[in-house]
Each structure stands twice: as C-alpha cells, then as structure tokens.
C-alpha cells in the first residue's frame, strides 16, 4: 500500500467524530439543561462538539464551541433575522462536514422544520430528540406530515419509554428509542456545596418554569393550602420565573398564604435549595422526563409527584424514594404531603432509597447508549 494512503488512514482513525447539537438556548428549562449536560458528556468521551443556539440565553455549563445565532444576527429583525439564522446554520454545517447533527430544539412548525431538514441539515445524519410527551412542540398534528417529516431521520430519541411508544404509535414510525437524560453526580454535588443563603426553617420545594398549563401550579397551591403543612410550620418555596408567576402569586394572596408560600426568582443553581429541602414536588399535567425528580433524588431529597405522562412512573417508586400520586387527584396529593411530614419511619425509608434509585441515570451509564448510535463513519 502506498505510504500516503497509510498516513491518510491513520489520520482518519485519529479524527474525532464531529457532532453539531442544535438547541433553542442553554438557559431556563429542563430540556436546555439536559442539552448542556449532553454536550459535556459527549465531549468527555471524545467527540468534537459544536453547539448552535438559536437564542442568546446561555446559563448552563456546556462543553464545545458555541455558535450563538442571536448574537450573530443582532442587527437584524423579523424575517431577515430568521433568514440570516438559516443561512449561517447552513454555511456552518456545510463547511464543517459534521458526522452527526443532534436536533434537541423544539420544532413546533412542520414547514419550518421541513425547510431546515432539507436545506440546512441537507444529507447529514440527524438525530431528533423529543423532550416531551406532549408532542405539539415536536410534531405536526397530521400523522401523515409527522411521518413524512421524520421517516428519513437517522434516529429519533425520546427521553422516556412512554413518550417513545407514544410518538411511534401516533405517527407509525419504525425508528425511536429511549435514552434517558443523564446527570453528572460530581458536578451536581459541587454545585450543591456552593455557599448560598438557604432558608433555615423547614420547607418543601417546587422549582422550574412557572407555566400553569403544563406545570399545574394551581394544583400545588391548593393541595398545600389544604394540607397540615402550614400549621406545622413547613413552608413551600417556589423557585423560578415564567409567564404565569404573577397569576400564581395572586392565587397565593387570595388564599392568604403569603407567609407560608415564598417565591424565589430563577437560579441557575438550585441544588443547595434542593439538598436542604424536606422533599420536592412535581404536579405537572405532562412532562417528557422530569429532571427535577432526578436532581432531587440525586441530592438525597425524596419527592412527591403526580403520575403524569411521561417520566415520573419510570423514576418514582412509592415508599422507596417518595410518593407517586394519581394525576389530578388533589385529595391523594394532599394526603401524600401530610404523610411525608407526619410518618417519620416512611419518610426516612424514602430518604434512604433516593440516591441509589437514580444510579441508572448517571452520566457514565447513559454515555454508552449515545456512543452506540454515534459510531465512527467508515
């Protein structure tokens, strides 16, 4: 064999696999946090990562080169701004010759996504991530259009088993696999140990984006208000921001619970608060894979969650790491809040099972699943 050919082969062996991760942003939201973790995980196992962020909102720690489309088109407005983002993305993907694209951004417009698939991603092998059981952010209503949009994808990844079954059945898709969102235990523990002024009184915690349609904060407020926690001096802290924050604050005032329900703003590091909480809550109408539950359990803090679609039933086992309550059953949720405070033996049993219950979601256990679908190109 010609020496030059041997050299070329050796160089190809050493070449890192190049991956482009498309995200809406790297701030505020479980999907965004998970995408940041994905970039760190893949970078740490040897991939060359480029992140393309549609919006200029960077909070979470990531690894790789970041292309901030909003900053690059700051002088543009309206349709011209959108067009320039398309053009920049197309040139970037064409020039860098990525081995794979991982599209982890919401895709609410089928026509826009068809345009991106056809003219921006072109023929690059693309993995589409579905972060929610509510498919409206990722699929068109039409099963025909949904199938057409994704049938030629390299892979479809859902973040819970239930969500994968849901989109495969609804859109009659052959492709689709579950890869859970990962967590970095050492990184989270370091964040939890940061010096932060945490409330000294006993409290339970709810955190995330305050959107009532999906997160159902009204249900949480009503359940807490009718429970025995206020009389026992256990506060409810709500951490986060969102479009419905003022409405929920008004509800708290109408219930005369201002002294018991305390609102905190958004924090890019909720872990010190999670670690000190008695337990965390989740009352969503739907999820994809609620990282708030994994984050809480990884901190040794049990959870009380509704059994919404999808994710909680794949994380929470009543009596082992918290309580799983039937969806929209307010009486049961109120009773679960009471039990976690009043049944000390049950509570301690749940605390004991927290960390070991999320071992399968550790980054070292999830990384090989991504590596299996991101092999070197021959």
Protein backbone atom coordinates (compact mmCIF):
# COMPACT_ATOMS: atom_id res chain seq x y z
CA UNK A 1 0.00 0.00 0.00
CA UNK A 2 1.22 3.49 -0.83
CA UNK A 3 2.67 5.26 2.30
CA UNK A 4 0.44 8.25 1.66
CA UNK A 5 -2.63 6.01 1.79
CA UNK A 6 -1.46 4.54 5.11
CA UNK A 7 -0.95 8.06 6.51
CA UNK A 8 -4.46 9.05 5.40
CA UNK A 9 -5.95 6.01 7.14
CA UNK A 10 -4.07 6.75 10.35
CA UNK A 11 -5.20 10.37 10.26
CA UNK A 12 -8.80 9.24 9.74
CA UNK A 13 -8.54 6.94 12.76
CA UNK A 14 -7.36 9.84 14.92
CA UNK A 15 -10.01 12.22 13.68
CA UNK A 16 -12.66 12.93 16.28
CA UNK A 17 -16.29 12.34 15.41
CA UNK A 18 -17.81 15.79 14.84
CA UNK A 19 -21.25 16.50 16.26
CA UNK A 20 -23.45 19.58 15.98
CA UNK A 21 -26.06 19.98 18.74
CA UNK A 22 -28.92 22.32 17.82
CA UNK A 23 -30.64 23.94 20.84
CA UNK A 24 -33.15 26.73 21.38
CA UNK A 25 -30.92 28.06 24.18
CA UNK A 26 -28.79 26.96 27.10
CA UNK A 27 -30.86 28.55 29.83
CA UNK A 28 -34.15 28.11 31.75
CA UNK A 29 -35.74 24.73 31.33
CA UNK A 30 -35.09 21.03 31.76
CA UNK A 31 -34.58 20.38 28.04
CA UNK A 32 -31.98 23.15 27.85
CA UNK A 33 -30.17 21.90 30.95
CA UNK A 34 -30.19 18.37 29.52
CA UNK A 35 -28.71 19.59 26.23
CA UNK A 36 -25.89 21.28 28.13
CA UNK A 37 -25.21 18.05 30.02
CA UNK A 38 -25.28 16.14 26.72
CA UNK A 39 -22.56 18.42 25.32
CA UNK A 40 -20.34 17.81 28.35
CA UNK A 41 -20.97 14.07 28.33
CA UNK A 42 -20.17 13.62 24.64
CA UNK A 43 -17.15 15.92 24.82
CA UNK A 44 -15.76 13.97 27.78
CA UNK A 45 -15.92 10.67 25.89
CA UNK A 46 -14.05 12.09 22.92
CA UNK A 47 -16.47 13.74 20.50
CA UNK A 48 -15.81 17.12 18.88
CA UNK A 49 -18.85 19.21 19.86
CA UNK A 50 -20.30 22.35 18.32
CA UNK A 51 -23.47 23.82 19.85
CA UNK A 52 -25.72 26.07 17.76
CA UNK A 53 -28.05 28.14 19.95
CA UNK A 54 -30.98 29.90 18.32
CA UNK A 55 -31.44 32.35 21.21
CA UNK A 56 -28.96 34.35 23.26
CA UNK A 57 -29.65 32.78 26.61
CA UNK A 58 -26.65 30.90 27.99
CA UNK A 59 -26.82 29.89 31.65
CA UNK A 60 -25.94 26.22 31.94
CA UNK A 61 -22.40 24.88 31.84
CA UNK A 62 -21.55 23.30 28.48
CA UNK A 63 -18.55 21.98 26.55
CA UNK A 64 -17.62 22.57 22.93
CA UNK A 65 -17.71 25.52 20.56
CA UNK A 66 -20.82 27.70 20.85
CA UNK A 67 -22.35 29.44 17.85
CA UNK A 68 -24.85 31.99 19.17
CA UNK A 69 -27.19 32.78 16.26
CA UNK A 70 -28.97 35.56 18.12
CA UNK A 71 -25.73 37.44 18.73
CA UNK A 72 -24.60 36.92 15.15
CA UNK A 73 -27.85 38.43 13.83
CA UNK A 74 -28.29 41.11 16.49
CA UNK A 75 -28.63 43.93 13.95
CA UNK A 76 -31.39 42.15 12.06
CA UNK A 77 -35.12 41.99 12.81
CA UNK A 78 -38.13 39.92 11.81
CA UNK A 79 -37.95 37.73 8.73
CA UNK A 80 -34.47 38.98 7.82
CA UNK A 81 -33.16 37.82 11.18
CA UNK A 82 -34.74 34.37 10.72
CA UNK A 83 -33.35 34.09 7.20
CA UNK A 84 -29.85 35.04 8.33
CA UNK A 85 -30.00 32.37 11.05
CA UNK A 86 -30.88 29.79 8.37
CA UNK A 87 -28.03 30.97 6.14
CA UNK A 88 -25.44 30.95 8.94
CA UNK A 89 -26.52 27.46 10.05
CA UNK A 90 -26.38 26.12 6.51
CA UNK A 91 -22.88 27.52 5.90
CA UNK A 92 -21.66 26.21 9.25
CA UNK A 93 -22.94 22.69 8.62
CA UNK A 94 -21.73 22.65 5.03
CA UNK A 95 -18.23 23.89 5.92
CA UNK A 96 -17.64 21.70 8.98
CA UNK A 97 -18.93 18.47 7.48
CA UNK A 98 -20.34 17.17 10.76
CA UNK A 99 -20.72 13.43 11.12
CA UNK A 100 -23.99 13.85 13.02
CA UNK A 101 -26.48 16.53 13.97
CA UNK A 102 -28.45 16.20 17.21
CA UNK A 103 -31.52 18.43 17.00
CA UNK A 104 -32.63 18.98 20.60
CA UNK A 105 -34.63 22.17 19.96
CA UNK A 106 -38.45 22.44 19.89
CA UNK A 107 -39.90 22.01 16.39
CA UNK A 108 -43.45 23.42 16.50
CA UNK A 109 -43.67 24.38 12.80
CA UNK A 110 -43.59 21.40 10.46
CA UNK A 111 -42.93 23.58 7.40
CA UNK A 112 -40.04 25.40 9.04
CA UNK A 113 -38.60 22.07 10.17
CA UNK A 114 -39.01 20.56 6.70
CA UNK A 115 -37.09 23.56 5.31
CA UNK A 116 -34.33 23.09 7.91
CA UNK A 117 -34.12 19.34 7.28
CA UNK A 118 -33.92 19.84 3.51
CA UNK A 119 -31.81 22.96 3.05
CA UNK A 120 -29.86 23.39 6.31
CA UNK A 121 -29.14 19.84 7.51
CA UNK A 122 -29.11 18.57 3.93
CA UNK A 123 -27.80 14.98 3.93
CA UNK A 124 -26.13 14.99 7.36
CA UNK A 125 -27.24 12.10 9.58
CA UNK A 126 -29.62 13.77 12.05
CA UNK A 127 -30.89 12.56 15.40
CA UNK A 128 -34.07 14.29 16.56
CA UNK A 129 -34.67 14.45 20.32
CA UNK A 130 -38.24 14.54 21.69
CA UNK A 131 -38.23 16.07 25.18
CA UNK A 132 -41.95 15.90 26.00
CA UNK A 133 -44.92 13.55 26.00
CA UNK A 134 -46.95 16.48 24.66
CA UNK A 135 -45.85 16.20 21.04
CA UNK A 136 -47.10 19.60 19.82
CA UNK A 137 -43.62 21.13 20.16
CA UNK A 138 -42.04 18.43 18.02
CA UNK A 139 -44.62 17.02 15.60
CA UNK A 140 -47.40 18.43 13.41
CA UNK A 141 -50.96 17.37 14.23
CA UNK A 142 -51.20 15.44 10.98
CA UNK A 143 -49.88 11.90 11.34
CA UNK A 144 -49.13 11.92 7.61
CA UNK A 145 -46.97 15.06 7.84
CA UNK A 146 -45.32 13.82 11.01
CA UNK A 147 -44.31 10.58 9.38
CA UNK A 148 -43.02 12.41 6.29
CA UNK A 149 -41.02 14.82 8.44
CA UNK A 150 -39.13 12.17 10.36
CA UNK A 151 -39.22 8.93 8.39
CA UNK A 152 -35.78 9.59 6.86
CA UNK A 153 -34.14 10.67 10.12
CA UNK A 154 -31.03 8.82 11.26
CA UNK A 155 -32.68 8.24 14.65
CA UNK A 156 -35.46 9.54 16.91
CA UNK A 157 -34.64 9.67 20.61
CA UNK A 158 -37.27 10.08 23.31
CA UNK A 159 -36.30 10.79 26.91
CA UNK A 160 -38.79 8.33 28.42
CA UNK A 161 -40.04 4.91 27.36
CA UNK A 162 -43.65 6.07 27.43
CA UNK A 163 -43.00 9.06 25.17
CA UNK A 164 -41.24 6.86 22.60
CA UNK A 165 -44.15 4.44 22.48
CA UNK A 166 -46.47 7.43 22.11
CA UNK A 167 -44.84 9.06 19.08
CA UNK A 168 -44.06 5.76 17.34
CA UNK A 169 -47.67 4.66 17.59
CA UNK A 170 -49.25 8.02 16.70
CA UNK A 171 -47.06 8.63 13.65
CA UNK A 172 -46.49 4.99 12.65
CA UNK A 173 -42.72 5.39 12.84
CA UNK A 174 -40.28 2.49 12.84
CA UNK A 175 -37.45 4.45 14.41
CA UNK A 176 -37.45 5.58 18.01
CA UNK A 177 -35.51 4.64 21.11
CA UNK A 178 -35.39 5.81 24.71
CA UNK A 179 -32.23 7.36 26.08
CA UNK A 180 -32.82 8.95 29.45
CA UNK A 181 -31.40 12.36 30.29
CA UNK A 182 -28.12 11.94 32.15
CA UNK A 183 -26.75 13.58 35.26
CA UNK A 184 -23.22 14.27 36.37
CA UNK A 185 -23.07 13.31 40.05
CA UNK A 186 -19.75 15.01 40.84
CA UNK A 187 -20.74 18.24 39.09
CA UNK A 188 -24.11 18.42 40.84
CA UNK A 189 -22.53 17.71 44.24
CA UNK A 190 -20.07 20.56 43.69
CA UNK A 191 -22.95 22.91 42.84
CA UNK A 192 -24.86 21.78 45.94
CA UNK A 193 -21.89 22.70 48.14
CA UNK A 194 -21.72 26.31 46.90
CA UNK A 195 -22.20 28.95 49.59
CA UNK A 196 -25.80 30.08 49.22
CA UNK A 197 -28.14 31.57 51.81
CA UNK A 198 -30.69 28.78 52.17
CA UNK A 199 -33.82 29.16 54.38
CA UNK A 200 -33.30 27.91 57.92
CA UNK A 201 -36.92 26.87 58.56
CA UNK A 202 -38.24 23.51 57.30
CA UNK A 203 -39.56 23.75 53.74
CA UNK A 204 -40.62 21.81 50.69
CA UNK A 205 -39.56 22.96 47.24
CA UNK A 206 -41.04 23.37 43.78
CA UNK A 207 -38.80 24.71 41.04
CA UNK A 208 -38.85 25.21 37.31
CA UNK A 209 -40.54 27.41 34.74
CA UNK A 210 -43.84 28.80 36.08
CA UNK A 211 -46.31 27.91 33.35
CA UNK A 212 -49.58 26.72 34.81
CA UNK A 213 -50.92 24.97 31.70
CA UNK A 214 -48.11 22.41 31.82
CA UNK A 215 -46.83 22.57 35.41
CA UNK A 216 -50.21 23.00 37.18
CA UNK A 217 -49.09 25.28 40.00
CA UNK A 218 -52.72 25.90 40.97
CA UNK A 219 -52.98 22.22 41.92
CA UNK A 220 -49.85 22.53 44.07
CA UNK A 221 -51.05 25.69 45.84
CA UNK A 222 -54.47 24.21 46.58
CA UNK A 223 -53.00 20.91 47.81
CA UNK A 224 -50.50 22.63 50.09
CA UNK A 225 -53.07 25.11 51.42
CA UNK A 226 -55.48 22.32 52.45
CA UNK A 227 -52.71 20.14 53.93
CA UNK A 228 -51.45 20.27 57.50
CA UNK A 229 -48.04 21.60 56.46
CA UNK A 230 -48.81 25.32 57.06
CA UNK A 231 -49.96 24.58 60.63
CA UNK A 232 -46.79 22.59 61.25
CA UNK A 233 -44.57 25.45 60.10
CA UNK A 234 -43.41 23.78 56.89
CA UNK A 235 -43.08 26.43 54.17
CA UNK A 236 -43.49 25.95 50.43
CA UNK A 237 -40.74 27.62 48.40
CA UNK A 238 -41.36 28.15 44.69
CA UNK A 239 -38.20 28.83 42.70
CA UNK A 240 -38.37 30.07 39.14
CA UNK A 241 -39.90 32.55 36.76
CA UNK A 242 -42.36 32.33 33.91
CA UNK A 243 -45.43 33.84 32.26
CA UNK A 244 -47.85 32.72 34.99
CA UNK A 245 -45.84 33.77 38.02
CA UNK A 246 -47.97 36.84 38.76
CA UNK A 247 -51.19 34.82 38.44
CA UNK A 248 -49.92 32.21 40.91
CA UNK A 249 -48.77 34.94 43.30
CA UNK A 250 -52.28 36.41 43.17
CA UNK A 251 -53.72 32.98 43.96
CA UNK A 252 -51.44 32.72 46.98
CA UNK A 253 -52.61 36.15 48.18
CA UNK A 254 -56.26 35.17 47.73
CA UNK A 255 -55.61 32.09 49.90
CA UNK A 256 -53.91 34.34 52.50
CA UNK A 257 -50.80 32.17 52.29
CA UNK A 258 -48.15 34.85 51.64
CA UNK A 259 -46.28 33.97 54.86
CA UNK A 260 -46.25 30.26 54.06
CA UNK A 261 -45.64 30.20 50.31
CA UNK A 262 -42.46 32.04 49.37
CA UNK A 263 -41.44 32.90 45.81
CA UNK A 264 -37.82 32.89 44.78
CA UNK A 265 -36.55 34.01 41.40
CA UNK A 266 -34.87 31.81 38.84
CA UNK A 267 -31.49 30.40 39.84
CA UNK A 268 -29.04 28.63 37.58
CA UNK A 269 -28.00 26.65 40.65
CA UNK A 270 -31.00 25.30 42.58
CA UNK A 271 -29.01 22.44 44.12
CA UNK A 272 -28.24 23.99 47.55
CA UNK A 273 -32.00 24.57 47.95
CA UNK A 274 -32.85 21.06 46.76
CA UNK A 275 -30.37 19.47 49.15
CA UNK A 276 -31.81 21.25 52.20
CA UNK A 277 -35.50 20.70 51.32
CA UNK A 278 -37.56 18.09 53.16
CA UNK A 279 -38.79 16.96 49.76
CA UNK A 280 -39.54 18.40 46.34
CA UNK A 281 -42.83 18.42 44.45
CA UNK A 282 -43.99 17.88 40.89
CA UNK A 283 -47.59 18.49 39.82
CA UNK A 284 -47.28 18.71 36.03
CA UNK A 285 -50.05 17.83 33.61
CA UNK A 286 -47.42 16.36 31.30
CA UNK A 287 -43.66 16.03 31.08
CA UNK A 288 -41.04 14.33 28.96
CA UNK A 289 -38.52 13.20 31.51
CA UNK A 290 -38.72 15.49 34.56
CA UNK A 291 -35.14 16.17 35.56
CA UNK A 292 -36.35 17.93 38.71
CA UNK A 293 -37.13 14.47 40.11
CA UNK A 294 -33.71 13.06 39.22
CA UNK A 295 -31.96 16.18 40.52
CA UNK A 296 -33.81 15.95 43.81
CA UNK A 297 -33.18 12.24 44.31
CA UNK A 298 -29.51 12.64 43.40
CA UNK A 299 -29.26 15.17 46.25
CA UNK A 300 -30.78 12.65 48.69
CA UNK A 301 -34.09 14.52 48.78
CA UNK A 302 -37.28 12.47 48.27
CA UNK A 303 -40.13 13.59 46.03
CA UNK A 304 -43.91 13.77 45.86
CA UNK A 305 -45.01 13.62 42.23
CA UNK A 306 -48.17 13.15 40.23
CA UNK A 307 -48.14 10.24 37.80
CA UNK A 308 -48.35 12.32 34.65
CA UNK A 309 -47.25 11.25 31.21
CA UNK A 310 -44.40 10.77 30.97
CA UNK A 311 -41.42 10.04 33.18
CA UNK A 312 -42.46 10.03 36.85
CA UNK A 313 -43.52 6.35 36.83
CA UNK A 314 -40.07 5.49 35.42
CA UNK A 315 -38.35 7.35 38.28
CA UNK A 316 -40.53 7.34 41.44
CA UNK A 317 -41.49 4.25 43.45
CA UNK A 318 -43.81 4.95 46.39
CA UNK A 319 -42.11 4.08 49.65
CA UNK A 320 -38.69 3.70 48.05
CA UNK A 321 -37.82 7.29 47.13
CA UNK A 322 -41.04 9.27 47.59
CA UNK A 323 -44.72 9.06 46.68
CA UNK A 324 -46.32 8.76 43.25
CA UNK A 325 -49.88 10.13 43.23
CA UNK A 326 -52.59 9.60 40.56
CA UNK A 327 -52.79 12.53 38.15
CA UNK A 328 -55.07 15.40 39.23
CA UNK A 329 -56.10 13.61 42.45
CA UNK A 330 -55.85 16.54 44.84
CA UNK A 331 -57.04 14.65 47.92
CA UNK A 332 -54.36 11.99 47.41
CA UNK A 333 -51.71 14.63 46.80
CA UNK A 334 -52.67 16.48 49.99
CA UNK A 335 -52.50 13.20 51.92
CA UNK A 336 -49.09 12.46 50.43
CA UNK A 337 -47.78 15.84 51.62
CA UNK A 338 -49.09 15.07 55.11
CA UNK A 339 -47.61 11.58 55.16
CA UNK A 340 -44.14 12.77 54.26
CA UNK A 341 -44.20 15.16 57.21
CA UNK A 342 -46.02 13.02 59.79
CA UNK A 343 -44.80 9.46 59.14
CA UNK A 344 -41.16 9.65 60.18
CA UNK A 345 -40.36 5.99 59.51
CA UNK A 346 -41.83 6.17 56.00
CA UNK A 347 -40.01 9.42 55.27
CA UNK A 348 -36.63 8.06 56.42
CA UNK A 349 -37.18 4.98 54.29
CA UNK A 350 -37.71 7.21 51.27
CA UNK A 351 -34.59 9.24 52.05
CA UNK A 352 -32.57 6.03 52.28
CA UNK A 353 -33.61 4.99 48.79
CA UNK A 354 -33.13 8.29 46.96
CA UNK A 355 -29.60 8.18 45.57
CA UNK A 356 -29.50 4.51 44.65
CA UNK A 357 -32.80 4.87 42.75
CA UNK A 358 -31.21 7.15 40.13
CA UNK A 359 -27.96 5.24 39.55
CA UNK A 360 -29.10 4.18 36.08
CA UNK A 361 -29.33 7.85 35.03
CA UNK A 362 -25.70 8.65 35.88
CA UNK A 363 -23.65 10.06 33.04
CA UNK A 364 -21.37 7.01 32.93
CA UNK A 365 -24.38 4.76 32.34
CA UNK A 366 -26.05 6.97 29.71
CA UNK A 367 -22.94 7.88 27.66
CA UNK A 368 -22.52 4.35 26.18
CA UNK A 369 -26.10 4.49 24.89
CA UNK A 370 -25.27 7.63 22.89
CA UNK A 371 -21.96 6.16 21.75
CA UNK A 372 -23.86 3.18 20.35
CA UNK A 373 -25.76 5.43 17.92
CA UNK A 374 -22.84 7.76 17.18
CA UNK A 375 -20.19 5.39 15.76
CA UNK A 376 -17.24 6.46 13.62
CA UNK A 377 -18.02 6.88 9.93
CA UNK A 378 -16.37 4.26 7.73
